[in-house]
Amino acid sequence: MKRDFEMLNCRTWAAIVALAAVLTASPPAVAHEEGQDNGPTHFICDFAKGYAWTYEEGKYRSEPPSELKLEIGSIDLDHQSASLIIDGQGGADLKIVRAINANHFLEVVNEGFLNLTTIYDRDAATGKYPAVHSRHFGLFGQPVFAQYAGSCVAQP
């Protein structure tokens, strides 16, 4: 039994070392060069479907949220930055996480809560960019979160 434990321990450490190597490796090369056209630099997004959840008295309760419209502008994929615009007002700075066929725009709000908007590659049939918007926050110590589905349109 002691030998089995030692083998398990060695395997566990080997897995941890392998995972650490993957996580600290250089990011994969991207298919563009800095300064090259990386696509739209401004989107107008409309999220008409979704659900919002609240957690109160030991239970989750869901309801459809109000329609949400927002803009993401000043998109700079090379520097992984953008800005959030709501009701024509500039606001939060966004960080960008690039993915295959999508870009994630992350807002860390003052209280440490997160908002995440993912815009996928353009749908050739509609000309729109499918998108998802998620909000993760708390209110009076209770979890509140929402997820919206919609689309974005590139602006010149």
N, C-alpha and C. Protein backbone atom coordinates (compact mmCIF):
# COMPACT_ATOMS: atom_id res chain seq x y z
N MET A 1 0.82 -1.19 0.00
CA MET A 1 0.00 0.00 0.00
C MET A 1 0.87 1.26 0.00
N LYS A 2 1.97 1.23 0.77
CA LYS A 2 2.85 2.39 0.80
C LYS A 2 3.43 2.67 -0.58
N ARG A 3 3.81 1.62 -1.30
CA ARG A 3 4.35 1.78 -2.65
C ARG A 3 3.29 2.38 -3.58
N ASP A 4 2.02 1.94 -3.46
CA ASP A 4 0.93 2.50 -4.27
C ASP A 4 0.79 4.00 -3.99
N PHE A 5 0.87 4.38 -2.72
CA PHE A 5 0.76 5.79 -2.36
C PHE A 5 1.92 6.59 -2.96
N GLU A 6 3.15 6.04 -2.87
CA GLU A 6 4.30 6.73 -3.44
C GLU A 6 4.17 6.89 -4.94
N MET A 7 3.67 5.85 -5.64
CA MET A 7 3.47 5.95 -7.09
C MET A 7 2.42 7.00 -7.41
N LEU A 8 1.33 7.00 -6.64
CA LEU A 8 0.28 8.00 -6.85
C LEU A 8 0.85 9.39 -6.64
N ASN A 9 1.65 9.54 -5.59
CA ASN A 9 2.25 10.83 -5.30
C ASN A 9 3.16 11.27 -6.44
N CYS A 10 3.97 10.36 -6.98
CA CYS A 10 4.85 10.69 -8.10
C CYS A 10 4.04 11.08 -9.33
N ARG A 11 2.97 10.32 -9.61
CA ARG A 11 2.12 10.64 -10.75
C ARG A 11 1.44 11.99 -10.58
N THR A 12 0.99 12.28 -9.37
CA THR A 12 0.34 13.56 -9.10
C THR A 12 1.32 14.71 -9.34
N TRP A 13 2.54 14.58 -8.82
CA TRP A 13 3.53 15.63 -9.03
C TRP A 13 3.90 15.77 -10.50
N ALA A 14 3.99 14.65 -11.21
CA ALA A 14 4.30 14.71 -12.64
C ALA A 14 3.20 15.46 -13.38
N ALA A 15 1.95 15.20 -13.01
CA ALA A 15 0.83 15.89 -13.66
C ALA A 15 0.86 17.38 -13.35
N ILE A 16 1.20 17.72 -12.11
CA ILE A 16 1.26 19.14 -11.73
C ILE A 16 2.37 19.84 -12.50
N VAL A 17 3.54 19.21 -12.62
CA VAL A 17 4.65 19.80 -13.35
C VAL A 17 4.28 19.98 -14.83
N ALA A 18 3.63 18.96 -15.42
CA ALA A 18 3.23 19.06 -16.82
C ALA A 18 2.22 20.19 -17.02
N LEU A 19 1.25 20.31 -16.12
CA LEU A 19 0.27 21.38 -16.21
C LEU A 19 0.93 22.74 -16.07
N ALA A 20 1.86 22.86 -15.13
CA ALA A 20 2.56 24.14 -14.95
C ALA A 20 3.34 24.51 -16.21
N ALA A 21 3.94 23.53 -16.85
CA ALA A 21 4.68 23.81 -18.09
C ALA A 21 3.76 24.33 -19.18
N VAL A 22 2.57 23.74 -19.27
CA VAL A 22 1.60 24.20 -20.28
C VAL A 22 1.13 25.61 -19.97
N LEU A 23 0.82 25.87 -18.71
CA LEU A 23 0.27 27.17 -18.33
C LEU A 23 1.28 28.30 -18.42
N THR A 24 2.56 28.00 -18.26
CA THR A 24 3.56 29.06 -18.31
C THR A 24 4.25 29.16 -19.66
N ALA A 25 3.88 28.33 -20.61
CA ALA A 25 4.49 28.37 -21.94
C ALA A 25 4.10 29.65 -22.65
N SER A 26 4.87 30.02 -23.63
CA SER A 26 4.57 31.19 -24.45
C SER A 26 3.24 30.99 -25.15
N PRO A 27 2.46 32.06 -25.32
CA PRO A 27 1.20 31.90 -26.03
C PRO A 27 1.46 31.51 -27.48
N PRO A 28 0.51 30.81 -28.09
CA PRO A 28 0.71 30.39 -29.47
C PRO A 28 0.81 31.61 -30.39
N ALA A 29 1.55 31.45 -31.45
CA ALA A 29 1.68 32.54 -32.42
C ALA A 29 0.32 32.82 -33.03
N VAL A 30 0.02 34.09 -33.23
CA VAL A 30 -1.24 34.45 -33.85
C VAL A 30 -1.02 34.62 -35.34
N ALA A 31 -2.10 34.54 -36.09
CA ALA A 31 -2.00 34.51 -37.55
C ALA A 31 -1.91 35.90 -38.16
N HIS A 32 -1.59 36.91 -37.37
CA HIS A 32 -1.47 38.25 -37.93
C HIS A 32 -0.19 38.89 -37.40
N GLU A 33 0.19 39.94 -38.05
CA GLU A 33 1.33 40.70 -37.58
C GLU A 33 0.82 41.98 -36.94
N GLU A 34 1.54 42.48 -35.96
CA GLU A 34 1.13 43.71 -35.29
C GLU A 34 0.97 44.83 -36.31
N GLY A 35 -0.10 45.60 -36.16
CA GLY A 35 -0.37 46.69 -37.08
C GLY A 35 -1.20 46.28 -38.28
N GLN A 36 -1.31 44.98 -38.53
CA GLN A 36 -2.12 44.50 -39.64
C GLN A 36 -3.60 44.65 -39.28
N ASP A 37 -4.46 44.75 -40.28
CA ASP A 37 -5.90 44.87 -40.03
C ASP A 37 -6.39 43.63 -39.29
N ASN A 38 -6.93 43.85 -38.11
CA ASN A 38 -7.41 42.75 -37.27
C ASN A 38 -8.92 42.68 -37.23
N GLY A 39 -9.60 43.35 -38.13
CA GLY A 39 -11.05 43.31 -38.12
C GLY A 39 -11.65 44.58 -37.54
N PRO A 40 -12.93 44.53 -37.22
CA PRO A 40 -13.64 45.72 -36.73
C PRO A 40 -13.03 46.29 -35.45
N THR A 41 -13.13 47.59 -35.33
CA THR A 41 -12.64 48.26 -34.11
C THR A 41 -13.79 48.84 -33.29
N HIS A 42 -15.02 48.60 -33.75
CA HIS A 42 -16.19 49.13 -33.03
C HIS A 42 -17.40 48.23 -33.34
N PHE A 43 -18.11 47.84 -32.30
CA PHE A 43 -19.32 47.04 -32.46
C PHE A 43 -20.48 47.69 -31.71
N ILE A 44 -21.67 47.56 -32.28
CA ILE A 44 -22.91 47.87 -31.56
C ILE A 44 -23.59 46.52 -31.33
N CYS A 45 -23.90 46.22 -30.07
CA CYS A 45 -24.43 44.91 -29.70
C CYS A 45 -25.82 45.04 -29.09
N ASP A 46 -26.66 44.08 -29.43
CA ASP A 46 -28.04 44.04 -28.93
C ASP A 46 -28.28 42.65 -28.37
N PHE A 47 -28.64 42.60 -27.10
CA PHE A 47 -28.91 41.33 -26.42
C PHE A 47 -30.36 41.32 -25.98
N ALA A 48 -31.19 40.58 -26.71
CA ALA A 48 -32.63 40.57 -26.44
C ALA A 48 -33.09 39.33 -25.69
N LYS A 49 -32.25 38.30 -25.62
CA LYS A 49 -32.65 37.05 -24.97
C LYS A 49 -31.71 36.76 -23.81
N GLY A 50 -32.22 36.06 -22.83
CA GLY A 50 -31.36 35.65 -21.73
C GLY A 50 -32.13 35.44 -20.46
N TYR A 51 -31.39 35.26 -19.39
CA TYR A 51 -31.98 35.09 -18.07
C TYR A 51 -31.08 35.73 -17.04
N ALA A 52 -31.70 36.19 -15.97
CA ALA A 52 -30.98 36.72 -14.82
C ALA A 52 -31.36 35.84 -13.63
N TRP A 53 -30.38 35.55 -12.79
CA TRP A 53 -30.62 34.72 -11.62
C TRP A 53 -30.23 35.50 -10.37
N THR A 54 -30.99 35.29 -9.32
CA THR A 54 -30.65 35.83 -8.00
C THR A 54 -30.70 34.67 -7.02
N TYR A 55 -29.94 34.79 -5.97
CA TYR A 55 -29.90 33.76 -4.94
C TYR A 55 -30.37 34.41 -3.64
N GLU A 56 -31.51 33.94 -3.15
CA GLU A 56 -32.07 34.49 -1.93
C GLU A 56 -32.67 33.36 -1.11
N GLU A 57 -32.46 33.43 0.19
CA GLU A 57 -33.05 32.47 1.12
C GLU A 57 -32.81 31.02 0.70
N GLY A 58 -31.58 30.74 0.25
CA GLY A 58 -31.20 29.37 -0.07
C GLY A 58 -31.67 28.84 -1.41
N LYS A 59 -32.24 29.72 -2.26
CA LYS A 59 -32.74 29.26 -3.56
C LYS A 59 -32.37 30.24 -4.66
N TYR A 60 -32.20 29.67 -5.85
CA TYR A 60 -32.01 30.50 -7.04
C TYR A 60 -33.38 30.79 -7.66
N ARG A 61 -33.52 32.01 -8.13
CA ARG A 61 -34.74 32.43 -8.82
C ARG A 61 -34.32 33.05 -10.14
N SER A 62 -34.99 32.69 -11.22
CA SER A 62 -34.61 33.25 -12.52
C SER A 62 -35.77 34.01 -13.13
N GLU A 63 -35.40 34.95 -13.97
CA GLU A 63 -36.40 35.72 -14.72
C GLU A 63 -35.72 36.31 -15.95
N PRO A 64 -36.49 36.56 -17.00
CA PRO A 64 -35.89 37.18 -18.19
C PRO A 64 -35.44 38.60 -17.86
N PRO A 65 -34.23 38.98 -18.26
CA PRO A 65 -33.78 40.35 -18.00
C PRO A 65 -34.31 41.30 -19.06
N SER A 66 -34.19 42.57 -18.78
CA SER A 66 -34.54 43.59 -19.77
C SER A 66 -33.53 43.52 -20.92
N GLU A 67 -33.97 43.97 -22.10
CA GLU A 67 -33.07 44.00 -23.25
C GLU A 67 -31.87 44.88 -22.92
N LEU A 68 -30.73 44.48 -23.43
CA LEU A 68 -29.49 45.19 -23.15
C LEU A 68 -28.84 45.58 -24.47
N LYS A 69 -28.43 46.85 -24.57
CA LYS A 69 -27.68 47.33 -25.73
C LYS A 69 -26.40 47.96 -25.22
N LEU A 70 -25.31 47.67 -25.91
CA LEU A 70 -24.03 48.26 -25.54
C LEU A 70 -23.16 48.35 -26.78
N GLU A 71 -22.10 49.14 -26.66
CA GLU A 71 -21.12 49.28 -27.73
C GLU A 71 -19.75 48.97 -27.16
N ILE A 72 -18.93 48.39 -28.00
CA ILE A 72 -17.54 48.18 -27.66
C ILE A 72 -16.73 48.90 -28.73
N GLY A 73 -15.94 49.86 -28.31
CA GLY A 73 -15.18 50.68 -29.24
C GLY A 73 -13.70 50.69 -28.92
N SER A 74 -12.95 51.39 -29.76
CA SER A 74 -11.50 51.51 -29.60
C SER A 74 -10.83 50.15 -29.44
N ILE A 75 -11.31 49.17 -30.20
CA ILE A 75 -10.78 47.81 -30.09
C ILE A 75 -9.37 47.76 -30.68
N ASP A 76 -8.43 47.36 -29.86
CA ASP A 76 -7.04 47.21 -30.27
C ASP A 76 -6.61 45.80 -29.89
N LEU A 77 -6.72 44.87 -30.84
CA LEU A 77 -6.41 43.47 -30.56
C LEU A 77 -4.93 43.27 -30.25
N ASP A 78 -4.06 44.05 -30.91
CA ASP A 78 -2.63 43.90 -30.66
C ASP A 78 -2.27 44.23 -29.21
N HIS A 79 -2.94 45.22 -28.63
CA HIS A 79 -2.65 45.62 -27.25
C HIS A 79 -3.70 45.09 -26.27
N GLN A 80 -4.63 44.30 -26.77
CA GLN A 80 -5.67 43.64 -25.97
C GLN A 80 -6.44 44.62 -25.09
N SER A 81 -6.92 45.70 -25.73
CA SER A 81 -7.69 46.70 -25.00
C SER A 81 -8.85 47.20 -25.84
N ALA A 82 -9.87 47.68 -25.15
CA ALA A 82 -11.06 48.25 -25.79
C ALA A 82 -11.78 49.10 -24.75
N SER A 83 -12.88 49.74 -25.16
CA SER A 83 -13.67 50.51 -24.20
C SER A 83 -15.14 50.17 -24.35
N LEU A 84 -15.83 50.20 -23.23
CA LEU A 84 -17.26 49.93 -23.18
C LEU A 84 -18.02 51.24 -23.29
N ILE A 85 -19.06 51.26 -24.12
CA ILE A 85 -19.88 52.46 -24.31
C ILE A 85 -21.33 52.04 -24.07
N ILE A 86 -21.99 52.71 -23.12
CA ILE A 86 -23.41 52.43 -22.84
C ILE A 86 -24.17 53.74 -22.94
N ASP A 87 -25.26 53.72 -23.70
CA ASP A 87 -26.08 54.92 -23.90
C ASP A 87 -25.24 56.10 -24.40
N GLY A 88 -24.29 55.82 -25.28
CA GLY A 88 -23.47 56.87 -25.86
C GLY A 88 -22.39 57.41 -24.94
N GLN A 89 -22.34 56.92 -23.73
CA GLN A 89 -21.36 57.40 -22.75
C GLN A 89 -20.20 56.43 -22.67
N GLY A 90 -18.99 56.97 -22.83
CA GLY A 90 -17.80 56.15 -22.66
C GLY A 90 -17.69 55.73 -21.21
N GLY A 91 -17.08 54.62 -21.00
CA GLY A 91 -17.01 54.16 -19.62
C GLY A 91 -15.81 53.30 -19.38
N ALA A 92 -16.05 52.09 -19.06
CA ALA A 92 -15.03 51.18 -18.57
C ALA A 92 -14.02 50.78 -19.64
N ASP A 93 -12.82 50.55 -19.17
CA ASP A 93 -11.79 49.95 -20.01
C ASP A 93 -12.00 48.44 -20.01
N LEU A 94 -11.79 47.83 -21.14
CA LEU A 94 -11.95 46.39 -21.27
C LEU A 94 -10.63 45.75 -21.63
N LYS A 95 -10.43 44.55 -21.13
CA LYS A 95 -9.30 43.72 -21.52
C LYS A 95 -9.82 42.73 -22.55
N ILE A 96 -8.96 42.32 -23.46
CA ILE A 96 -9.36 41.38 -24.50
C ILE A 96 -8.60 40.08 -24.32
N VAL A 97 -9.34 38.99 -24.38
CA VAL A 97 -8.74 37.66 -24.43
C VAL A 97 -9.12 37.09 -25.79
N ARG A 98 -8.12 36.79 -26.58
CA ARG A 98 -8.36 36.30 -27.94
C ARG A 98 -8.55 34.79 -27.91
N ALA A 99 -9.45 34.32 -28.75
CA ALA A 99 -9.70 32.88 -28.87
C ALA A 99 -9.82 32.55 -30.35
N ILE A 100 -9.87 31.28 -30.65
CA ILE A 100 -10.09 30.86 -32.02
C ILE A 100 -11.54 31.18 -32.35
N ASN A 101 -11.78 31.97 -33.37
CA ASN A 101 -13.12 32.34 -33.85
C ASN A 101 -13.91 33.23 -32.90
N ALA A 102 -13.25 33.89 -31.95
CA ALA A 102 -13.97 34.78 -31.03
C ALA A 102 -12.99 35.68 -30.30
N ASN A 103 -13.52 36.76 -29.75
CA ASN A 103 -12.76 37.62 -28.84
C ASN A 103 -13.62 37.83 -27.60
N HIS A 104 -12.98 37.74 -26.44
CA HIS A 104 -13.67 37.95 -25.16
C HIS A 104 -13.27 39.32 -24.63
N PHE A 105 -14.26 40.12 -24.27
CA PHE A 105 -14.03 41.45 -23.73
C PHE A 105 -14.40 41.41 -22.25
N LEU A 106 -13.42 41.63 -21.39
CA LEU A 106 -13.60 41.47 -19.95
C LEU A 106 -13.56 42.82 -19.24
N GLU A 107 -14.59 43.06 -18.45
CA GLU A 107 -14.66 44.26 -17.62
C GLU A 107 -14.58 43.84 -16.16
N VAL A 108 -13.62 44.40 -15.44
CA VAL A 108 -13.54 44.18 -14.01
C VAL A 108 -14.09 45.44 -13.37
N VAL A 109 -15.25 45.35 -12.74
CA VAL A 109 -15.88 46.53 -12.15
C VAL A 109 -15.23 46.85 -10.81
N ASN A 110 -15.47 48.06 -10.30
CA ASN A 110 -14.80 48.55 -9.10
C ASN A 110 -14.85 47.58 -7.93
N GLU A 111 -15.94 46.93 -7.73
CA GLU A 111 -16.10 46.05 -6.59
C GLU A 111 -15.46 44.69 -6.81
N GLY A 112 -14.85 44.48 -8.00
CA GLY A 112 -14.20 43.21 -8.29
C GLY A 112 -15.07 42.22 -9.03
N PHE A 113 -16.30 42.60 -9.31
CA PHE A 113 -17.17 41.71 -10.07
C PHE A 113 -16.81 41.76 -11.54
N LEU A 114 -17.31 40.80 -12.32
CA LEU A 114 -16.91 40.67 -13.72
C LEU A 114 -18.09 40.73 -14.67
N ASN A 115 -17.85 41.36 -15.80
CA ASN A 115 -18.76 41.33 -16.96
C ASN A 115 -17.93 40.82 -18.13
N LEU A 116 -18.50 39.94 -18.90
CA LEU A 116 -17.77 39.33 -20.01
C LEU A 116 -18.66 39.32 -21.24
N THR A 117 -18.14 39.86 -22.34
CA THR A 117 -18.84 39.83 -23.62
C THR A 117 -17.97 39.06 -24.60
N THR A 118 -18.52 38.02 -25.20
CA THR A 118 -17.81 37.25 -26.21
C THR A 118 -18.46 37.53 -27.56
N ILE A 119 -17.64 37.98 -28.51
CA ILE A 119 -18.13 38.23 -29.86
C ILE A 119 -17.45 37.22 -30.78
N TYR A 120 -18.27 36.42 -31.44
CA TYR A 120 -17.77 35.37 -32.33
C TYR A 120 -17.57 35.93 -33.75
N ASP A 121 -16.93 35.13 -34.58
CA ASP A 121 -16.71 35.53 -35.97
C ASP A 121 -18.03 35.81 -36.67
N ARG A 122 -17.96 36.64 -37.67
CA ARG A 122 -19.13 37.07 -38.45
C ARG A 122 -19.85 35.88 -39.09
N ASP A 123 -21.17 35.89 -38.95
CA ASP A 123 -22.02 34.89 -39.59
C ASP A 123 -22.25 35.33 -41.04
N ALA A 124 -21.79 34.56 -41.99
CA ALA A 124 -21.89 34.94 -43.41
C ALA A 124 -23.35 35.07 -43.85
N ALA A 125 -24.25 34.30 -43.26
CA ALA A 125 -25.66 34.33 -43.67
C ALA A 125 -26.35 35.62 -43.25
N THR A 126 -26.03 36.15 -42.06
CA THR A 126 -26.72 37.34 -41.56
C THR A 126 -25.86 38.60 -41.61
N GLY A 127 -24.55 38.43 -41.69
CA GLY A 127 -23.65 39.58 -41.65
C GLY A 127 -23.42 40.09 -40.23
N LYS A 128 -24.06 39.46 -39.26
CA LYS A 128 -23.90 39.87 -37.86
C LYS A 128 -22.88 38.97 -37.17
N TYR A 129 -22.46 39.40 -36.00
CA TYR A 129 -21.52 38.67 -35.18
C TYR A 129 -22.28 38.11 -33.97
N PRO A 130 -22.49 36.79 -33.88
CA PRO A 130 -23.16 36.24 -32.70
C PRO A 130 -22.38 36.62 -31.44
N ALA A 131 -23.11 36.85 -30.35
CA ALA A 131 -22.44 37.31 -29.13
C ALA A 131 -23.19 36.83 -27.88
N VAL A 132 -22.44 36.75 -26.79
CA VAL A 132 -22.97 36.39 -25.49
C VAL A 132 -22.43 37.41 -24.49
N HIS A 133 -23.28 37.84 -23.56
CA HIS A 133 -22.85 38.78 -22.52
C HIS A 133 -23.24 38.17 -21.17
N SER A 134 -22.28 38.11 -20.26
CA SER A 134 -22.52 37.56 -18.92
C SER A 134 -22.12 38.59 -17.87
N ARG A 135 -22.94 38.67 -16.83
CA ARG A 135 -22.64 39.57 -15.70
C ARG A 135 -22.60 38.73 -14.43
N HIS A 136 -21.57 38.93 -13.65
CA HIS A 136 -21.39 38.19 -12.40
C HIS A 136 -21.14 39.21 -11.30
N PHE A 137 -22.12 39.39 -10.42
CA PHE A 137 -21.95 40.36 -9.36
C PHE A 137 -22.77 39.93 -8.15
N GLY A 138 -22.78 40.75 -7.14
CA GLY A 138 -23.54 40.48 -5.93
C GLY A 138 -24.25 41.73 -5.49
N LEU A 139 -25.32 41.53 -4.77
CA LEU A 139 -26.11 42.65 -4.27
C LEU A 139 -26.50 42.33 -2.84
N PHE A 140 -26.07 43.15 -1.91
CA PHE A 140 -26.34 42.94 -0.49
C PHE A 140 -25.89 41.54 -0.04
N GLY A 141 -24.74 41.12 -0.56
CA GLY A 141 -24.16 39.84 -0.16
C GLY A 141 -24.74 38.62 -0.85
N GLN A 142 -25.66 38.82 -1.78
CA GLN A 142 -26.29 37.69 -2.47
C GLN A 142 -25.82 37.64 -3.92
N PRO A 143 -25.52 36.43 -4.45
CA PRO A 143 -25.14 36.30 -5.85
C PRO A 143 -26.25 36.77 -6.80
N VAL A 144 -25.86 37.53 -7.80
CA VAL A 144 -26.76 37.96 -8.86
C VAL A 144 -25.96 37.81 -10.16
N PHE A 145 -26.53 37.12 -11.13
CA PHE A 145 -25.82 36.96 -12.38
C PHE A 145 -26.81 36.85 -13.52
N ALA A 146 -26.33 37.18 -14.72
CA ALA A 146 -27.20 37.17 -15.89
C ALA A 146 -26.38 36.73 -17.10
N GLN A 147 -27.08 36.12 -18.03
CA GLN A 147 -26.44 35.78 -19.30
C GLN A 147 -27.41 36.11 -20.42
N TYR A 148 -26.89 36.82 -21.42
CA TYR A 148 -27.67 37.30 -22.54
C TYR A 148 -27.14 36.69 -23.84
N ALA A 149 -28.01 36.46 -24.78
CA ALA A 149 -27.62 36.03 -26.13
C ALA A 149 -28.09 37.10 -27.10
N GLY A 150 -27.26 37.39 -28.09
CA GLY A 150 -27.63 38.40 -29.07
C GLY A 150 -26.63 38.43 -30.20
N SER A 151 -26.48 39.60 -30.77
CA SER A 151 -25.53 39.76 -31.87
C SER A 151 -25.00 41.19 -31.90
N CYS A 152 -23.92 41.33 -32.61
CA CYS A 152 -23.28 42.64 -32.76
C CYS A 152 -23.14 42.96 -34.24
N VAL A 153 -23.09 44.25 -34.54
CA VAL A 153 -22.89 44.73 -35.90
C VAL A 153 -21.64 45.60 -35.89
N ALA A 154 -20.73 45.36 -36.81
CA ALA A 154 -19.50 46.16 -36.91
C ALA A 154 -19.84 47.54 -37.43
N GLN A 155 -19.18 48.54 -36.85
CA GLN A 155 -19.34 49.93 -37.28
C GLN A 155 -18.04 50.38 -37.94
N PRO A 156 -18.19 51.25 -38.95
CA PRO A 156 -16.96 51.73 -39.62
C PRO A 156 -16.11 52.60 -38.71
